[in-house]
Protein backbone atom coordinates (compact mmCIF):
# COMPACT_ATOMS: atom_id res chain seq x y z
CA VAL A 1 -6.11 -17.63 11.74
CA LEU A 2 -7.01 -18.63 15.23
CA GLY A 3 -6.18 -15.15 16.23
CA THR A 4 -8.95 -13.94 13.80
CA ILE A 5 -11.58 -16.57 14.61
CA LEU A 6 -11.41 -16.71 18.43
CA PRO A 7 -11.93 -13.05 19.14
CA PHE A 8 -14.67 -12.80 16.45
CA VAL A 9 -16.60 -15.80 17.74
CA THR A 10 -16.03 -14.79 21.33
CA GLY A 11 -17.29 -11.12 20.87
CA ALA A 12 -20.30 -12.32 18.75
CA ALA A 13 -21.28 -15.01 21.60
CA LEU A 14 -20.89 -12.39 24.43
CA THR A 15 -23.12 -10.00 22.53
CA VAL A 16 -25.74 -12.57 22.24
CA ILE A 17 -25.41 -13.58 25.86
CA TYR A 18 -25.93 -9.96 26.92
CA GLY A 19 -29.20 -9.89 24.91
CA ARG A 20 -28.39 -8.07 21.73
CA PRO A 21 -29.00 -9.72 18.35
CA LEU A 22 -26.26 -11.55 16.40
CA MET A 23 -27.09 -9.70 13.25
CA PRO A 24 -25.71 -6.99 13.07
CA ASP A 25 -24.61 -6.32 16.62
CA GLY A 26 -22.93 -9.59 17.36
CA LEU A 27 -21.03 -9.42 14.06
CA HIS A 28 -19.91 -5.82 14.64
CA VAL A 29 -18.47 -6.45 18.14
CA GLY A 30 -16.83 -9.61 17.01
CA THR A 31 -15.24 -7.83 14.12
CA ALA A 32 -14.06 -4.90 16.19
CA LEU A 33 -12.16 -7.43 18.46
CA VAL A 34 -10.26 -9.10 15.64
CA PRO A 35 -7.34 -6.71 14.77
CA THR A 36 -4.05 -6.92 16.57
CA SER A 37 -1.49 -4.29 17.07
CA VAL A 38 1.58 -5.07 14.77
CA GLY A 39 3.31 -1.92 16.02
CA LEU A 40 3.21 -3.07 19.56
CA ALA A 41 4.29 -6.50 18.74
CA LEU A 42 7.31 -5.04 16.78
CA ARG A 43 8.21 -2.78 19.64
CA PHE A 44 8.18 -5.37 22.19
CA LEU A 45 10.02 -7.95 20.09
CA GLY A 46 12.49 -5.23 19.16
CA GLU A 47 13.07 -4.22 22.73
CA ALA A 48 13.53 -8.00 23.79
CA LYS A 49 16.10 -8.24 20.94
CA VAL A 50 14.33 -11.31 19.59
CA LEU A 51 12.68 -9.92 16.34
CA GLN A 52 15.19 -11.60 14.09
CA GLU A 53 14.66 -15.00 15.85
CA ASP A 54 12.56 -17.60 14.21
CA PHE A 55 9.66 -17.31 16.80
CA GLY A 56 10.00 -13.51 16.55
CA GLN A 57 9.36 -13.57 12.80
CA ALA A 58 6.59 -16.18 13.38
CA ILE A 59 4.79 -13.79 15.71
CA ILE A 60 5.12 -10.67 13.41
CA THR A 61 3.97 -12.85 10.34
CA ALA A 62 0.90 -14.05 12.26
CA ALA A 63 0.23 -10.56 13.43
CA PHE A 64 0.16 -9.31 9.81
CA VAL A 65 -1.85 -12.18 8.57
CA ASP A 66 -4.35 -11.43 11.46
CA ASP A 67 -4.51 -7.78 10.39
CA ILE A 68 -5.05 -8.67 6.78
CA LEU A 69 -7.80 -11.09 7.64
CA SER A 70 -9.43 -8.51 9.92
CA LEU A 71 -9.35 -5.94 7.19
CA ILE A 72 -11.13 -8.36 4.82
CA LEU A 73 -13.64 -9.06 7.61
CA PHE A 74 -14.32 -5.29 8.11
CA ASN A 75 -14.88 -4.96 4.24
CA VAL A 76 -17.41 -7.73 4.19
CA ILE A 77 -19.19 -6.23 7.36
CA PHE A 78 -19.26 -2.84 5.66
CA ALA A 79 -20.60 -4.40 2.50
CA LEU A 80 -23.38 -6.25 4.51
CA ARG A 81 -24.82 -3.30 5.93
CA ASP A 82 -27.26 -3.10 3.02
CA ASN A 83 -28.88 -5.76 0.92
CA PHE A 84 -26.56 -8.31 -0.59
CA ASP A 85 -24.98 -7.14 -3.84
CA GLY A 86 -22.35 -9.45 -5.42
CA VAL A 87 -20.40 -6.46 -6.72
CA PRO A 88 -19.42 -4.73 -3.44
CA VAL A 89 -19.33 -7.94 -1.40
CA VAL A 90 -17.34 -10.30 -3.65
CA VAL A 91 -16.06 -8.36 -6.82
CA LEU A 92 -14.53 -5.30 -5.14
CA PRO A 93 -12.92 -7.21 -2.14
CA ILE A 94 -11.23 -9.30 -4.88
CA ILE A 95 -9.75 -6.48 -6.74
CA ALA A 96 -8.76 -4.92 -3.41
CA ILE A 97 -6.95 -8.13 -2.48
CA ILE A 98 -5.19 -8.10 -5.81
CA PHE A 99 -4.16 -4.33 -5.12
CA MET A 100 -3.11 -5.24 -1.66
CA ALA A 101 -0.74 -8.05 -3.11
CA LEU A 102 0.65 -5.63 -5.51
CA ALA A 103 1.14 -2.89 -2.91
CA MET A 104 3.05 -5.45 -0.72
CA VAL A 105 5.42 -6.23 -3.65
CA LEU A 106 5.84 -2.49 -4.17
CA ALA A 107 6.61 -2.09 -0.44
CA VAL A 108 9.44 -4.61 -0.53
CA LYS A 109 10.81 -4.24 -4.00
CA PHE A 110 10.14 -0.80 -5.22
CA TRP A 111 9.71 1.82 -2.43
CA PRO A 112 12.93 1.18 -0.43
CA LYS A 113 15.14 1.25 -3.59
CA PHE A 114 13.29 4.27 -5.21
CA ILE A 115 13.55 6.32 -2.12
CA ASN A 116 17.06 5.19 -0.83
CA GLU A 117 18.87 5.08 -4.13
CA THR A 118 16.91 7.60 -6.36
CA ILE A 119 15.04 10.36 -4.15
CA MET A 120 17.32 10.79 -1.21
CA PRO A 121 20.67 11.13 -2.90
CA ARG A 122 19.30 13.99 -5.05
CA ILE A 123 18.01 16.14 -2.21
CA PRO A 124 20.81 18.42 -0.89
CA ASN A 125 21.51 18.34 2.88
CA LYS A 126 20.86 21.37 4.81
CA GLU A 127 23.04 22.09 7.71
CA GLY A 128 21.59 23.38 10.78
CA ALA A 129 17.83 22.72 9.84
CA LYS A 130 15.48 21.66 12.40
CA VAL A 131 13.88 19.13 9.95
CA SER A 132 16.11 18.02 7.15
CA PRO A 133 14.99 18.35 3.44
CA GLN A 134 15.32 14.51 3.17
CA ASP A 135 12.84 14.11 6.12
CA GLU A 136 10.50 16.70 4.39
CA ALA A 137 10.68 14.74 1.10
CA LEU A 138 10.05 11.48 2.88
CA PHE A 139 6.99 12.89 4.68
CA LEU A 140 5.64 14.17 1.42
CA ILE A 141 6.07 10.84 -0.34
CA MET A 142 4.51 9.02 2.63
CA MET A 143 1.52 11.29 2.61
CA THR A 144 1.03 10.99 -1.13
CA VAL A 145 1.12 7.29 -0.97
CA LEU A 146 -1.27 7.18 2.09
CA LEU A 147 -3.86 9.41 0.38
CA SER A 148 -3.52 7.59 -2.96
CA TYR A 149 -3.82 4.13 -1.48
CA ALA A 150 -6.68 5.20 0.91
CA THR A 151 -8.66 6.74 -1.81
CA LEU A 152 -8.31 3.90 -4.23
CA THR A 153 -9.30 1.26 -1.52
CA HIS A 154 -12.09 3.68 -0.35
CA TYR A 155 -13.77 2.99 -3.76
CA LEU A 156 -12.99 -0.66 -3.40
CA GLY A 157 -14.83 -0.97 -0.03
CA THR A 158 -12.91 0.53 2.79
CA HIS A 159 -10.04 3.11 3.17
CA LEU A 160 -8.53 1.05 5.99
CA TRP A 161 -6.83 -1.37 3.59
CA GLY A 162 -4.96 1.62 1.79
CA CYS A 163 -3.92 3.09 5.12
CA PHE A 164 -2.67 -0.28 6.42
CA ILE A 165 -0.63 -0.95 3.19
CA ALA A 166 0.51 2.56 2.88
CA GLY A 167 1.95 2.40 6.48
CA MET A 168 3.59 -0.96 5.70
CA SER A 169 4.97 0.40 2.59
CA PHE A 170 7.73 2.22 4.37
CA ALA A 171 8.90 -0.36 6.87
CA CYS A 172 11.94 -1.11 4.77
CA ILE A 173 13.20 2.62 4.29
CA ASP A 174 16.63 3.41 5.96
CA LYS A 175 15.49 6.60 7.50
């Protein structure tokens, strides 16, 4: 949580120090500084061979929590650009959080099993192909999930939530 609050407050404060107004400039700068790079953290921890250690898991968990909090913050900032209205600022983010929780369960419980045990065994292997039919099918599934999740969360406030969850949905796939 400190990884979300500290960059937000620092960015907003620096914006005010440099003579810009807190609302909306300071909030936008602070919000832009909040997200972390889970991909970089995964790569560095994997290369150091400490990803399976307790502290490696703690770092990745903190990065995911930080990214989710930053996505919520982005949604609130986007919703506040107009006059305050309870539906886009409160109700839609709550629905989106419920969707994100459901999509996270699907990412761990459904997608790996569905793809690895149901889809991939049914696709014939083509020898000598530059791109295998399994890779093509996996790409098609990924793009379908990405577009579906992004479209749904776009109507809930911001497409970023759907893109984030779609990307995380395939982290447990064998290929």
